[in-house]
C-alpha atoms as a PDB file:
ATOM      1  CA  MET A   1      21.843  37.948  -4.167  1.00  0.00           C
ATOM      2  CA  MET A   2      22.277  40.977  -6.391  1.00  0.00           C
ATOM      3  CA  GLN A   3      25.527  42.899  -6.091  1.00  0.00           C
ATOM      4  CA  GLY A   4      25.215  45.613  -3.463  1.00  0.00           C
ATOM      5  CA  MET A   5      21.927  44.281  -2.145  1.00  0.00           C
ATOM      6  CA  PRO A   6      21.822  43.205   1.529  1.00  0.00           C
ATOM      7  CA  ALA A   7      21.165  39.543   2.251  1.00  0.00           C
ATOM      8  CA  LEU A   8      17.560  38.687   3.117  1.00  0.00           C
ATOM      9  CA  VAL A   9      17.306  36.273   6.031  1.00  0.00           C
ATOM     10  CA  VAL A  10      14.016  34.604   6.887  1.00  0.00           C
ATOM     11  CA  VAL A  11      13.962  33.758  10.598  1.00  0.00           C
ATOM     12  CA  ALA A  12      11.381  30.996  11.076  1.00  0.00           C
ATOM     13  CA  PRO A  13      11.905  28.901  14.227  1.00  0.00           C
ATOM     14  CA  ASP A  14       9.511  26.978  16.419  1.00  0.00           C
ATOM     15  CA  GLY A  15       9.381  27.765  20.120  1.00  0.00           C
ATOM     16  CA  PHE A  16      11.819  26.073  22.491  1.00  0.00           C
ATOM     17  CA  LYS A  17       9.436  24.089  24.687  1.00  0.00           C
ATOM     18  CA  LEU A  18       9.141  25.354  28.285  1.00  0.00           C
ATOM     19  CA  THR A  19      11.982  27.856  27.768  1.00  0.00           C
ATOM     20  CA  ALA A  20      11.238  30.422  25.035  1.00  0.00           C
ATOM     21  CA  SER A  21       8.444  31.188  22.587  1.00  0.00           C
ATOM     22  CA  ALA A  22       8.898  31.203  18.830  1.00  0.00           C
ATOM     23  CA  SER A  23       8.365  34.956  18.850  1.00  0.00           C
ATOM     24  CA  ALA A  24      11.093  35.477  21.464  1.00  0.00           C
ATOM     25  CA  ILE A  25      13.594  33.314  19.582  1.00  0.00           C
ATOM     26  CA  THR A  26      12.743  35.022  16.294  1.00  0.00           C
ATOM     27  CA  ALA A  27      13.107  38.539  17.670  1.00  0.00           C
ATOM     28  CA  ALA A  28      16.430  37.795  19.379  1.00  0.00           C
ATOM     29  CA  VAL A  29      17.932  36.174  16.287  1.00  0.00           C
ATOM     30  CA  ALA A  30      16.711  38.946  13.978  1.00  0.00           C
ATOM     31  CA  GLU A  31      18.076  41.667  16.269  1.00  0.00           C
ATOM     32  CA  ALA A  32      21.464  39.983  16.498  1.00  0.00           C
ATOM     33  CA  LEU A  33      21.725  39.443  12.751  1.00  0.00           C
ATOM     34  CA  ALA A  34      20.666  42.959  11.802  1.00  0.00           C
ATOM     35  CA  GLY A  35      22.918  44.498  14.440  1.00  0.00           C
ATOM     36  CA  ARG A  36      26.024  42.619  13.360  1.00  0.00           C
ATOM     37  CA  LEU A  37      25.641  42.014   9.637  1.00  0.00           C
ATOM     38  CA  ALA A  38      24.433  43.872   6.563  1.00  0.00           C
ATOM     39  CA  VAL A  39      21.239  41.841   6.309  1.00  0.00           C
ATOM     40  CA  VAL A  40      17.507  42.388   6.210  1.00  0.00           C
ATOM     41  CA  CYS A  41      15.521  40.043   8.469  1.00  0.00           C
ATOM     42  CA  ASP A  42      12.013  38.784   7.786  1.00  0.00           C
ATOM     43  CA  GLN A  43      10.637  37.647  11.145  1.00  0.00           C
ATOM     44  CA  CYS A  44       8.373  34.618  10.713  1.00  0.00           C
ATOM     45  CA  PRO A  45       7.832  32.737  14.006  1.00  0.00           C
ATOM     46  CA  MET A  46       6.348  29.279  13.465  1.00  0.00           C
ATOM     47  CA  SER A  47       4.304  26.644  15.274  1.00  0.00           C
ATOM     48  CA  ASP A  48       3.171  23.113  14.540  1.00  0.00           C
ATOM     49  CA  GLY A  49       0.033  23.355  16.659  1.00  0.00           C
ATOM     50  CA  GLY A  50       1.626  23.508  20.089  1.00  0.00           C
ATOM     51  CA  GLU A  51       2.550  26.487  22.228  1.00  0.00           C
ATOM     52  CA  GLY A  52       2.449  29.734  20.279  1.00  0.00           C
ATOM     53  CA  PHE A  53      -0.159  28.565  17.770  1.00  0.00           C
ATOM     54  CA  VAL A  54      -2.473  31.486  18.556  1.00  0.00           C
ATOM     55  CA  ASP A  55       0.305  34.073  18.429  1.00  0.00           C
ATOM     56  CA  VAL A  56       1.987  33.014  15.188  1.00  0.00           C
ATOM     57  CA  LEU A  57      -1.342  33.090  13.385  1.00  0.00           C
ATOM     58  CA  GLU A  58      -1.649  36.810  13.976  1.00  0.00           C
ATOM     59  CA  THR A  59      -1.518  36.981  10.182  1.00  0.00           C
ATOM     60  CA  LEU A  60      -5.219  36.075  10.304  1.00  0.00           C
ATOM     61  CA  GLY A  61      -5.879  39.332  12.138  1.00  0.00           C
ATOM     62  CA  GLY A  62      -8.762  39.640  14.549  1.00  0.00           C
ATOM     63  CA  THR A  63      -8.429  39.883  18.304  1.00  0.00           C
ATOM     64  CA  VAL A  64      -6.966  37.671  20.984  1.00  0.00           C
ATOM     65  CA  ARG A  65      -9.414  36.859  23.750  1.00  0.00           C
ATOM     66  CA  THR A  66      -8.787  35.399  27.187  1.00  0.00           C
ATOM     67  CA  THR A  67     -11.328  32.972  28.620  1.00  0.00           C
ATOM     68  CA  SER A  68     -11.366  31.076  31.912  1.00  0.00           C
ATOM     69  CA  VAL A  69     -11.671  27.337  31.267  1.00  0.00           C
ATOM     70  CA  THR A  70     -11.019  24.084  33.070  1.00  0.00           C
ATOM     71  CA  GLY A  71      -7.297  23.338  33.286  1.00  0.00           C
ATOM     72  CA  PRO A  72      -5.664  19.924  32.823  1.00  0.00           C
ATOM     73  CA  LEU A  73      -6.088  18.912  36.469  1.00  0.00           C
ATOM     74  CA  GLY A  74      -9.399  20.639  37.096  1.00  0.00           C
ATOM     75  CA  ALA A  75      -8.398  24.077  38.388  1.00  0.00           C
ATOM     76  CA  PRO A  76      -9.484  27.026  36.225  1.00  0.00           C
ATOM     77  CA  VAL A  77      -6.935  28.597  33.878  1.00  0.00           C
ATOM     78  CA  ASP A  78      -7.025  31.685  31.680  1.00  0.00           C
ATOM     79  CA  ALA A  79      -6.615  30.557  28.076  1.00  0.00           C
ATOM     80  CA  ARG A  80      -5.945  32.794  25.081  1.00  0.00           C
ATOM     81  CA  TRP A  81      -7.595  32.196  21.711  1.00  0.00           C
ATOM     82  CA  ARG A  82      -8.070  34.224  18.547  1.00  0.00           C
ATOM     83  CA  LEU A  83     -11.236  35.343  16.785  1.00  0.00           C
ATOM     84  CA  ALA A  84     -10.834  36.795  13.301  1.00  0.00           C
ATOM     85  CA  GLY A  85     -14.088  37.335  11.483  1.00  0.00           C
ATOM     86  CA  GLY A  86     -15.620  33.926  11.004  1.00  0.00           C
ATOM     87  CA  SER A  87     -12.430  32.091  11.976  1.00  0.00           C
ATOM     88  CA  ALA A  88     -11.163  31.088  15.409  1.00  0.00           C
ATOM     89  CA  VAL A  89      -7.793  29.758  16.530  1.00  0.00           C
ATOM     90  CA  VAL A  90      -7.762  27.537  19.606  1.00  0.00           C
ATOM     91  CA  GLU A  91      -4.597  26.280  21.266  1.00  0.00           C
ATOM     92  CA  ALA A  92      -5.012  23.113  23.335  1.00  0.00           C
ATOM     93  CA  ALA A  93      -1.811  23.878  25.236  1.00  0.00           C
ATOM     94  CA  ALA A  94      -3.409  27.093  26.512  1.00  0.00           C
ATOM     95  CA  ALA A  95      -6.107  25.022  28.223  1.00  0.00           C
ATOM     96  CA  CYS A  96      -4.330  21.797  29.138  1.00  0.00           C
ATOM     97  CA  GLY A  97      -0.639  22.329  28.393  1.00  0.00           C
ATOM     98  CA  LEU A  98       2.073  20.546  30.334  1.00  0.00           C
ATOM     99  CA  HIS A  99       3.425  23.919  31.448  1.00  0.00           C
ATOM    100  CA  LEU A 100       0.176  24.470  33.364  1.00  0.00           C
ATOM    101  CA  THR A 101       1.023  21.587  35.705  1.00  0.00           C
ATOM    102  CA  GLY A 102       4.572  22.765  36.281  1.00  0.00           C
ATOM    103  CA  GLY A 103       6.011  20.153  33.930  1.00  0.00           C
ATOM    104  CA  PRO A 104       6.157  16.332  34.159  1.00  0.00           C
ATOM    105  CA  ALA A 105       6.922  16.360  37.896  1.00  0.00           C
ATOM    106  CA  GLY A 106       3.713  18.230  38.672  1.00  0.00           C
ATOM    107  CA  ASN A 107       1.458  16.366  36.278  1.00  0.00           C
ATOM    108  CA  ASP A 108      -0.937  13.513  36.950  1.00  0.00           C
ATOM    109  CA  PRO A 109      -0.856  11.845  33.532  1.00  0.00           C
ATOM    110  CA  GLU A 110      -3.862   9.617  34.201  1.00  0.00           C
ATOM    111  CA  ALA A 111      -6.060  12.382  35.617  1.00  0.00           C
ATOM    112  CA  ALA A 112      -5.099  15.165  33.198  1.00  0.00           C
ATOM    113  CA  GLY A 113      -7.933  15.965  30.812  1.00  0.00           C
ATOM    114  CA  THR A 114      -8.912  18.063  27.819  1.00  0.00           C
ATOM    115  CA  TRP A 115     -12.252  19.455  29.039  1.00  0.00           C
ATOM    116  CA  GLY A 116     -10.954  23.023  28.738  1.00  0.00           C
ATOM    117  CA  VAL A 117     -10.197  22.548  25.034  1.00  0.00           C
ATOM    118  CA  GLY A 118     -13.820  21.694  24.406  1.00  0.00           C
ATOM    119  CA  GLU A 119     -14.840  24.773  26.398  1.00  0.00           C
ATOM    120  CA  LEU A 120     -12.670  26.988  24.200  1.00  0.00           C
ATOM    121  CA  MET A 121     -14.282  25.499  21.097  1.00  0.00           C
ATOM    122  CA  VAL A 122     -17.713  26.190  22.568  1.00  0.00           C
ATOM    123  CA  HIS A 123     -16.760  29.833  23.078  1.00  0.00           C
ATOM    124  CA  ALA A 124     -15.561  29.970  19.458  1.00  0.00           C
ATOM    125  CA  PHE A 125     -18.816  28.540  18.141  1.00  0.00           C
ATOM    126  CA  ARG A 126     -20.871  30.878  20.314  1.00  0.00           C
ATOM    127  CA  ALA A 127     -18.890  33.815  18.951  1.00  0.00           C
ATOM    128  CA  GLY A 128     -19.978  32.867  15.444  1.00  0.00           C
ATOM    129  CA  ALA A 129     -16.859  31.092  14.174  1.00  0.00           C
ATOM    130  CA  ARG A 130     -17.499  28.943  11.121  1.00  0.00           C
ATOM    131  CA  ARG A 131     -13.889  27.844  10.778  1.00  0.00           C
ATOM    132  CA  VAL A 132     -12.094  26.675  13.908  1.00  0.00           C
ATOM    133  CA  LEU A 133      -8.401  25.791  13.881  1.00  0.00           C
ATOM    134  CA  VAL A 134      -7.387  23.666  16.859  1.00  0.00           C
ATOM    135  CA  GLY A 135      -3.696  23.195  17.652  1.00  0.00           C
ATOM    136  CA  VAL A 136      -3.259  20.061  19.764  1.00  0.00           C
ATOM    137  CA  GLY A 137       0.460  19.978  20.591  1.00  0.00           C
ATOM    138  CA  GLY A 138       2.060  20.429  24.006  1.00  0.00           C
ATOM    139  CA  THR A 139      -0.699  18.934  26.154  1.00  0.00           C
ATOM    140  CA  ALA A 140      -0.364  17.298  29.581  1.00  0.00           C
ATOM    141  CA  THR A 141      -3.050  14.820  28.602  1.00  0.00           C
ATOM    142  CA  THR A 142      -3.596  11.306  27.279  1.00  0.00           C
ATOM    143  CA  ASP A 143      -7.364  11.098  27.687  1.00  0.00           C
ATOM    144  CA  GLY A 144      -8.170  10.268  24.077  1.00  0.00           C
ATOM    145  CA  GLY A 145     -10.077  13.527  23.773  1.00  0.00           C
ATOM    146  CA  LYS A 146     -12.760  12.370  26.181  1.00  0.00           C
ATOM    147  CA  GLY A 147     -12.805  15.654  28.071  1.00  0.00           C
ATOM    148  CA  ALA A 148     -13.021  17.852  24.994  1.00  0.00           C
ATOM    149  CA  LEU A 149     -15.901  15.936  23.435  1.00  0.00           C
ATOM    150  CA  GLY A 150     -17.603  15.838  26.826  1.00  0.00           C
ATOM    151  CA  ALA A 151     -17.470  19.616  27.162  1.00  0.00           C
ATOM    152  CA  LEU A 152     -18.778  20.104  23.621  1.00  0.00           C
ATOM    153  CA  GLU A 153     -21.637  17.692  24.201  1.00  0.00           C
ATOM    154  CA  ASP A 154     -22.466  19.123  27.622  1.00  0.00           C
ATOM    155  CA  ALA A 155     -22.873  22.573  26.050  1.00  0.00           C
ATOM    156  CA  GLY A 156     -24.840  21.273  23.075  1.00  0.00           C
ATOM    157  CA  TYR A 157     -22.163  21.965  20.465  1.00  0.00           C
ATOM    158  CA  LEU A 158     -20.762  18.528  19.632  1.00  0.00           C
ATOM    159  CA  GLU A 159     -22.745  18.386  16.387  1.00  0.00           C
ATOM    160  CA  HIS A 160     -21.045  21.588  15.233  1.00  0.00           C
ATOM    161  CA  VAL A 161     -17.822  19.640  14.650  1.00  0.00           C
ATOM    162  CA  ALA A 162     -19.454  17.648  11.842  1.00  0.00           C
ATOM    163  CA  ASP A 163     -21.746  20.426  10.585  1.00  0.00           C
ATOM    164  CA  PRO A 164     -21.097  20.834   6.817  1.00  0.00           C
ATOM    165  CA  ALA A 165     -21.474  24.607   7.217  1.00  0.00           C
ATOM    166  CA  ILE A 166     -18.622  24.652   9.732  1.00  0.00           C
ATOM    167  CA  THR A 167     -15.002  23.578   9.269  1.00  0.00           C
ATOM    168  CA  VAL A 168     -12.957  22.291  12.197  1.00  0.00           C
ATOM    169  CA  GLU A 169      -9.306  21.702  11.332  1.00  0.00           C
ATOM    170  CA  VAL A 170      -6.941  20.033  13.763  1.00  0.00           C
ATOM    171  CA  ALA A 171      -3.292  21.082  13.569  1.00  0.00           C
ATOM    172  CA  CYS A 172      -1.347  17.924  14.439  1.00  0.00           C
ATOM    173  CA  ASP A 173       2.254  18.279  15.566  1.00  0.00           C
ATOM    174  CA  VAL A 174       3.005  14.564  15.087  1.00  0.00           C
ATOM    175  CA  ALA A 175       1.865  11.678  12.891  1.00  0.00           C
ATOM    176  CA  THR A 176       1.652   9.319  15.871  1.00  0.00           C
ATOM    177  CA  ALA A 177      -1.087   6.679  15.842  1.00  0.00           C
ATOM    178  CA  PHE A 178      -3.898   6.826  18.396  1.00  0.00           C
ATOM    179  CA  LEU A 179      -2.853   3.671  20.245  1.00  0.00           C
ATOM    180  CA  ASP A 180       0.793   4.772  20.350  1.00  0.00           C
ATOM    181  CA  ALA A 181       0.118   8.116  22.037  1.00  0.00           C
ATOM    182  CA  ALA A 182       0.808   6.812  25.541  1.00  0.00           C
ATOM    183  CA  CYS A 183       3.986   4.836  24.865  1.00  0.00           C
ATOM    184  CA  VAL A 184       5.491   7.609  22.738  1.00  0.00           C
ATOM    185  CA  PHE A 185       4.573  10.717  24.712  1.00  0.00           C
ATOM    186  CA  ALA A 186       3.159   9.862  28.143  1.00  0.00           C
ATOM    187  CA  PRO A 187       6.642   9.416  29.691  1.00  0.00           C
ATOM    188  CA  GLN A 188       7.337  13.064  28.756  1.00  0.00           C
ATOM    189  CA  LYS A 189       4.155  13.929  30.652  1.00  0.00           C
ATOM    190  CA  GLY A 190       5.279  12.217  33.847  1.00  0.00           C
ATOM    191  CA  ALA A 191       3.981   8.665  33.320  1.00  0.00           C
ATOM    192  CA  ASP A 192       5.928   5.657  34.579  1.00  0.00           C
ATOM    193  CA  GLY A 193       5.866   2.240  32.944  1.00  0.00           C
ATOM    194  CA  ASP A 194       2.735   1.022  34.724  1.00  0.00           C
ATOM    195  CA  GLN A 195       0.890   4.226  33.919  1.00  0.00           C
ATOM    196  CA  VAL A 196       1.872   3.992  30.264  1.00  0.00           C
ATOM    197  CA  ALA A 197       0.423   0.475  30.154  1.00  0.00           C
ATOM    198  CA  ARG A 198      -2.838   1.606  31.770  1.00  0.00           C
ATOM    199  CA  LEU A 199      -3.090   4.647  29.506  1.00  0.00           C
ATOM    200  CA  THR A 200      -2.545   2.484  26.424  1.00  0.00           C
ATOM    201  CA  LYS A 201      -5.286   0.114  27.573  1.00  0.00           C
ATOM    202  CA  ARG A 202      -7.576   3.091  28.173  1.00  0.00           C
ATOM    203  CA  LEU A 203      -6.860   4.462  24.685  1.00  0.00           C
ATOM    204  CA  ALA A 204      -7.741   1.085  23.172  1.00  0.00           C
ATOM    205  CA  ALA A 205     -11.087   1.141  24.971  1.00  0.00           C
ATOM    206  CA  ARG A 206     -11.579   4.748  23.909  1.00  0.00           C
ATOM    207  CA  ALA A 207     -10.981   3.814  20.262  1.00  0.00           C
ATOM    208  CA  VAL A 208     -13.750   1.228  20.513  1.00  0.00           C
ATOM    209  CA  GLU A 209     -16.107   3.806  22.053  1.00  0.00           C
ATOM    210  CA  LEU A 210     -15.387   6.321  19.300  1.00  0.00           C
ATOM    211  CA  GLU A 211     -15.946   3.784  16.533  1.00  0.00           C
ATOM    212  CA  GLN A 212     -19.203   2.598  18.066  1.00  0.00           C
ATOM    213  CA  ARG A 213     -20.502   6.146  18.397  1.00  0.00           C
ATOM    214  CA  PHE A 214     -19.200   7.831  15.247  1.00  0.00           C
ATOM    215  CA  GLY A 215     -18.349   4.942  12.941  1.00  0.00           C
ATOM    216  CA  VAL A 216     -14.733   6.079  12.624  1.00  0.00           C
ATOM    217  CA  ASP A 217     -11.750   3.827  13.301  1.00  0.00           C
ATOM    218  CA  VAL A 218      -9.321   6.311  14.832  1.00  0.00           C
ATOM    219  CA  THR A 219      -6.570   3.684  14.988  1.00  0.00           C
ATOM    220  CA  ALA A 220      -6.283   3.955  11.192  1.00  0.00           C
ATOM    221  CA  LEU A 221      -5.807   7.738  11.121  1.00  0.00           C
ATOM    222  CA  ALA A 222      -2.281   9.167  10.903  1.00  0.00           C
ATOM    223  CA  GLY A 223      -1.850  11.841  13.540  1.00  0.00           C
ATOM    224  CA  ALA A 224      -4.795  10.678  15.647  1.00  0.00           C
ATOM    225  CA  GLY A 225      -2.474  10.269  18.626  1.00  0.00           C
ATOM    226  CA  ALA A 226      -1.572  13.972  18.667  1.00  0.00           C
ATOM    227  CA  GLY A 227      -2.514  15.696  21.904  1.00  0.00           C
ATOM    228  CA  GLY A 228      -2.737  12.345  23.668  1.00  0.00           C
ATOM    229  CA  GLY A 229      -5.506  11.196  21.334  1.00  0.00           C
ATOM    230  CA  LEU A 230      -7.344  14.524  21.270  1.00  0.00           C
ATOM    231  CA  ALA A 231      -6.807  14.735  17.517  1.00  0.00           C
ATOM    232  CA  GLY A 232      -8.382  11.330  16.974  1.00  0.00           C
ATOM    233  CA  ALA A 233     -11.445  12.137  19.055  1.00  0.00           C
ATOM    234  CA  LEU A 234     -12.051  15.378  17.170  1.00  0.00           C
ATOM    235  CA  ALA A 235     -11.574  13.567  13.855  1.00  0.00           C
ATOM    236  CA  ALA A 236     -14.115  10.926  14.888  1.00  0.00           C
ATOM    237  CA  ALA A 237     -16.581  13.723  15.646  1.00  0.00           C
ATOM    238  CA  GLY A 238     -16.070  15.199  12.177  1.00  0.00           C
ATOM    239  CA  ALA A 239     -12.932  17.356  12.231  1.00  0.00           C
ATOM    240  CA  GLN A 240     -10.191  17.318   9.595  1.00  0.00           C
ATOM    241  CA  LEU A 241      -6.643  16.339  10.613  1.00  0.00           C
ATOM    242  CA  ARG A 242      -3.854  18.407   9.070  1.00  0.00           C
ATOM    243  CA  SER A 243      -0.140  18.882   9.543  1.00  0.00           C
ATOM    244  CA  GLY A 244       0.141  21.788  11.958  1.00  0.00           C
ATOM    245  CA  ALA A 245       3.458  22.959  10.559  1.00  0.00           C
ATOM    246  CA  ALA A 246       2.107  22.924   6.995  1.00  0.00           C
ATOM    247  CA  MET A 247      -1.039  24.746   8.098  1.00  0.00           C
ATOM    248  CA  VAL A 248       0.971  27.525   9.708  1.00  0.00           C
ATOM    249  CA  ALA A 249       3.447  27.704   6.815  1.00  0.00           C
ATOM    250  CA  ASP A 250       0.575  28.229   4.408  1.00  0.00           C
ATOM    251  CA  ALA A 251      -1.091  30.801   6.657  1.00  0.00           C
ATOM    252  CA  VAL A 252       2.055  32.913   6.995  1.00  0.00           C
ATOM    253  CA  CYS A 253       2.897  32.578   3.269  1.00  0.00           C
ATOM    254  CA  LEU A 254       6.255  30.963   3.986  1.00  0.00           C
ATOM    255  CA  ASP A 255       6.846  29.924   0.365  1.00  0.00           C
ATOM    256  CA  ARG A 256       6.488  33.499  -0.863  1.00  0.00           C
ATOM    257  CA  ARG A 257       8.801  34.792   1.852  1.00  0.00           C
ATOM    258  CA  LEU A 258      11.451  32.181   1.026  1.00  0.00           C
ATOM    259  CA  ALA A 259      11.348  33.002  -2.682  1.00  0.00           C
ATOM    260  CA  GLY A 260      13.688  35.975  -2.332  1.00  0.00           C
ATOM    261  CA  ALA A 261      15.706  34.797   0.657  1.00  0.00           C
ATOM    262  CA  THR A 262      19.467  34.362   0.896  1.00  0.00           C
ATOM    263  CA  VAL A 263      19.197  31.965   3.833  1.00  0.00           C
ATOM    264  CA  VAL A 264      16.599  30.767   6.342  1.00  0.00           C
ATOM    265  CA  VAL A 265      17.214  30.279  10.056  1.00  0.00           C
ATOM    266  CA  THR A 266      14.942  27.830  11.834  1.00  0.00           C
ATOM    267  CA  GLY A 267      15.171  25.875  15.074  1.00  0.00           C
ATOM    268  CA  GLU A 268      13.550  24.048  17.973  1.00  0.00           C
ATOM    269  CA  GLY A 269      14.252  23.028  21.536  1.00  0.00           C
ATOM    270  CA  ARG A 270      15.393  19.486  20.758  1.00  0.00           C
ATOM    271  CA  PHE A 271      16.551  18.237  17.388  1.00  0.00           C
ATOM    272  CA  ASP A 272      15.880  14.482  17.340  1.00  0.00           C
ATOM    273  CA  ALA A 273      14.312  11.621  15.393  1.00  0.00           C
ATOM    274  CA  THR A 274      10.850  13.200  15.590  1.00  0.00           C
ATOM    275  CA  THR A 275      12.053  16.387  13.897  1.00  0.00           C
ATOM    276  CA  THR A 276      11.620  14.935  10.428  1.00  0.00           C
ATOM    277  CA  ALA A 277       8.141  13.580  11.221  1.00  0.00           C
ATOM    278  CA  GLY A 278       6.294  16.793  10.414  1.00  0.00           C
ATOM    279  CA  LYS A 279       7.703  19.224  12.957  1.00  0.00           C
ATOM    280  CA  VAL A 280       8.312  22.899  12.186  1.00  0.00           C
ATOM    281  CA  VAL A 281      11.989  22.446  11.331  1.00  0.00           C
ATOM    282  CA  ASP A 282      11.152  19.631   8.918  1.00  0.00           C
ATOM    283  CA  GLU A 283       8.518  21.742   7.160  1.00  0.00           C
ATOM    284  CA  VAL A 284      10.780  24.790   6.886  1.00  0.00           C
ATOM    285  CA  LEU A 285      13.696  22.732   5.572  1.00  0.00           C
ATOM    286  CA  ARG A 286      11.489  20.983   3.024  1.00  0.00           C
ATOM    287  CA  ARG A 287      10.174  24.273   1.669  1.00  0.00           C
ATOM    288  CA  ALA A 288      13.599  25.908   1.770  1.00  0.00           C
ATOM    289  CA  LYS A 289      15.050  23.047  -0.278  1.00  0.00           C
ATOM    290  CA  ALA A 290      12.285  23.426  -2.850  1.00  0.00           C
ATOM    291  CA  ALA A 291      13.066  27.146  -3.061  1.00  0.00           C
ATOM    292  CA  GLY A 292      16.818  26.555  -3.299  1.00  0.00           C
ATOM    293  CA  VAL A 293      17.451  28.447  -0.060  1.00  0.00           C
ATOM    294  CA  PRO A 294      20.234  27.233   2.281  1.00  0.00           C
ATOM    295  CA  ALA A 295      19.289  26.711   5.918  1.00  0.00           C
ATOM    296  CA  ILE A 296      20.706  27.060   9.412  1.00  0.00           C
ATOM    297  CA  VAL A 297      19.139  25.136  12.313  1.00  0.00           C
ATOM    298  CA  VAL A 298      19.652  26.215  15.928  1.00  0.00           C
ATOM    299  CA  ALA A 299      18.589  23.622  18.493  1.00  0.00           C
ATOM    300  CA  GLY A 300      18.597  23.703  22.261  1.00  0.00           C
ATOM    301  CA  SER A 301      20.113  20.239  22.108  1.00  0.00           C
ATOM    302  CA  VAL A 302      20.780  17.599  19.474  1.00  0.00           C
ATOM    303  CA  ALA A 303      19.858  14.022  20.359  1.00  0.00           C
ATOM    304  CA  PRO A 304      22.017  11.005  19.443  1.00  0.00           C
ATOM    305  CA  ASP A 305      19.222   9.781  17.153  1.00  0.00           C
ATOM    306  CA  ALA A 306      18.948  13.096  15.330  1.00  0.00           C
ATOM    307  CA  PRO A 307      18.749  12.820  11.540  1.00  0.00           C
ATOM    308  CA  SER A 308      21.824  13.558   9.485  1.00  0.00           C
ATOM    309  CA  LEU A 309      21.287  16.543   7.198  1.00  0.00           C
ATOM    310  CA  PRO A 310      24.527  17.010   5.224  1.00  0.00           C
ATOM    311  CA  ALA A 311      23.357  20.103   3.347  1.00  0.00           C
ATOM    312  CA  VAL A 312      22.090  21.886   6.477  1.00  0.00           C
ATOM    313  CA  GLN A 313      24.092  23.647   9.180  1.00  0.00           C
ATOM    314  CA  VAL A 314      22.873  22.424  12.564  1.00  0.00           C
ATOM    315  CA  VAL A 315      24.178  23.931  15.794  1.00  0.00           C
ATOM    316  CA  ASP A 316      23.707  22.308  19.207  1.00  0.00           C
ATOM    317  CA  LEU A 317      23.331  25.164  21.684  1.00  0.00           C
ATOM    318  CA  SER A 318      23.939  22.898  24.680  1.00  0.00           C
ATOM    319  CA  ALA A 319      27.215  21.687  23.208  1.00  0.00           C
ATOM    320  CA  ARG A 320      28.253  25.197  22.193  1.00  0.00           C
ATOM    321  CA  PHE A 321      27.307  27.123  25.355  1.00  0.00           C
ATOM    322  CA  GLY A 322      26.755  24.449  27.984  1.00  0.00           C
ATOM    323  CA  SER A 323      23.397  22.945  28.876  1.00  0.00           C
ATOM    324  CA  ARG A 324      22.748  25.351  31.768  1.00  0.00           C
ATOM    325  CA  ARG A 325      23.113  28.514  29.680  1.00  0.00           C
ATOM    326  CA  ALA A 326      21.297  26.961  26.718  1.00  0.00           C
ATOM    327  CA  TRP A 327      18.347  26.224  29.011  1.00  0.00           C
ATOM    328  CA  ASP A 328      18.403  29.537  30.914  1.00  0.00           C
ATOM    329  CA  GLU A 329      19.112  31.826  27.938  1.00  0.00           C
ATOM    330  CA  PRO A 330      17.871  30.025  24.809  1.00  0.00           C
ATOM    331  CA  ALA A 331      17.046  33.181  22.851  1.00  0.00           C
ATOM    332  CA  ALA A 332      20.429  34.782  23.514  1.00  0.00           C
ATOM    333  CA  CYS A 333      22.263  31.562  22.655  1.00  0.00           C
ATOM    334  CA  ALA A 334      20.266  31.074  19.458  1.00  0.00           C
ATOM    335  CA  ALA A 335      20.956  34.673  18.442  1.00  0.00           C
ATOM    336  CA  GLU A 336      24.704  34.415  19.039  1.00  0.00           C
ATOM    337  CA  ALA A 337      25.054  31.067  17.294  1.00  0.00           C
ATOM    338  CA  ALA A 338      22.967  32.105  14.282  1.00  0.00           C
ATOM    339  CA  SER A 339      24.885  35.342  13.819  1.00  0.00           C
ATOM    340  CA  ASP A 340      28.221  33.484  14.022  1.00  0.00           C
ATOM    341  CA  LEU A 341      27.159  30.900  11.445  1.00  0.00           C
ATOM    342  CA  LEU A 342      25.686  33.457   9.079  1.00  0.00           C
ATOM    343  CA  ALA A 343      28.789  35.659   9.348  1.00  0.00           C
ATOM    344  CA  GLU A 344      30.933  32.657   8.388  1.00  0.00           C
ATOM    345  CA  ARG A 345      28.620  31.844   5.488  1.00  0.00           C
ATOM    346  CA  LEU A 346      28.589  35.388   4.122  1.00  0.00           C
ATOM    347  CA  ASP A 347      32.386  35.712   4.493  1.00  0.00           C
ATOM    348  CA  GLY A 348      32.756  32.474   2.544  1.00  0.00           C
ATOM    349  CA  GLU A 349      30.627  33.823  -0.301  1.00  0.00           C
ATOM    350  CA  ARG A 350      32.674  37.005  -0.705  1.00  0.00           C
END
């Protein structure tokens, strides 16, 4: 940092699942930092393909549309998606997200389906999109993408996924294998042990169906288990699987924004063993390290199995403010903690 120049802070968190969006966390942290310290904040909310995927890709421009589609348990829901020229951004969570069932307690993990995701893709194709980005994180489903492909086929658009003139890219929030989707994530969607076993058996049968129809072994594809197997089904039909966090980082030009930064603040709802498996925080930290930019991580909670990152400041909001306040006021807690840590860092550099 040049003498007399204010510090540049890039604020690039993921959303805190079921409590606060990435945009809300980003705005609160940036306001707190700029109000307390002599810093300039670059607001860069992030997503790995889950909730907020449509909003953080506002850098693509275009308009956000709202379309009524089939929700995870069959009732219609209003889902937002983006159309920008020949590109469309579809967020699976907007059509079949766990929040739409009221959380794990309200979900039926065996009945929940992805039909609405396919409907959103149909609307994108009908609108003329030749590049469709599909974020598959945050779903209530473990149907192996059966609903989504069914909706595409029912409308006559399944072949569009493999059309060489059209690109369908799936933003995966995890690298989980197709057959592991139930045991890893179904409990978070309300499944008990017996249901996990049945869902795993169903996914195995689904993998056989997909290979017989499309000639693709989805069990060999990293990330195919994202979205409860939705990613694998779309890949079998011809889509490309990509890291959602990397896709968003590229789209928002994160590397360029980090190049002149003094520090980056990132964060997520729960900092645990999955964080370093391609989540937003992992992607931001990797790029920050490459750019030589120190990092602060604010997390709603830090799990016992969380990775040790000696060179990174990690703050557990639940431990610092109590779990109730951290859950009820995540943006305010993240803002206060980040401003405290940055103030300490800047004082130490003087």
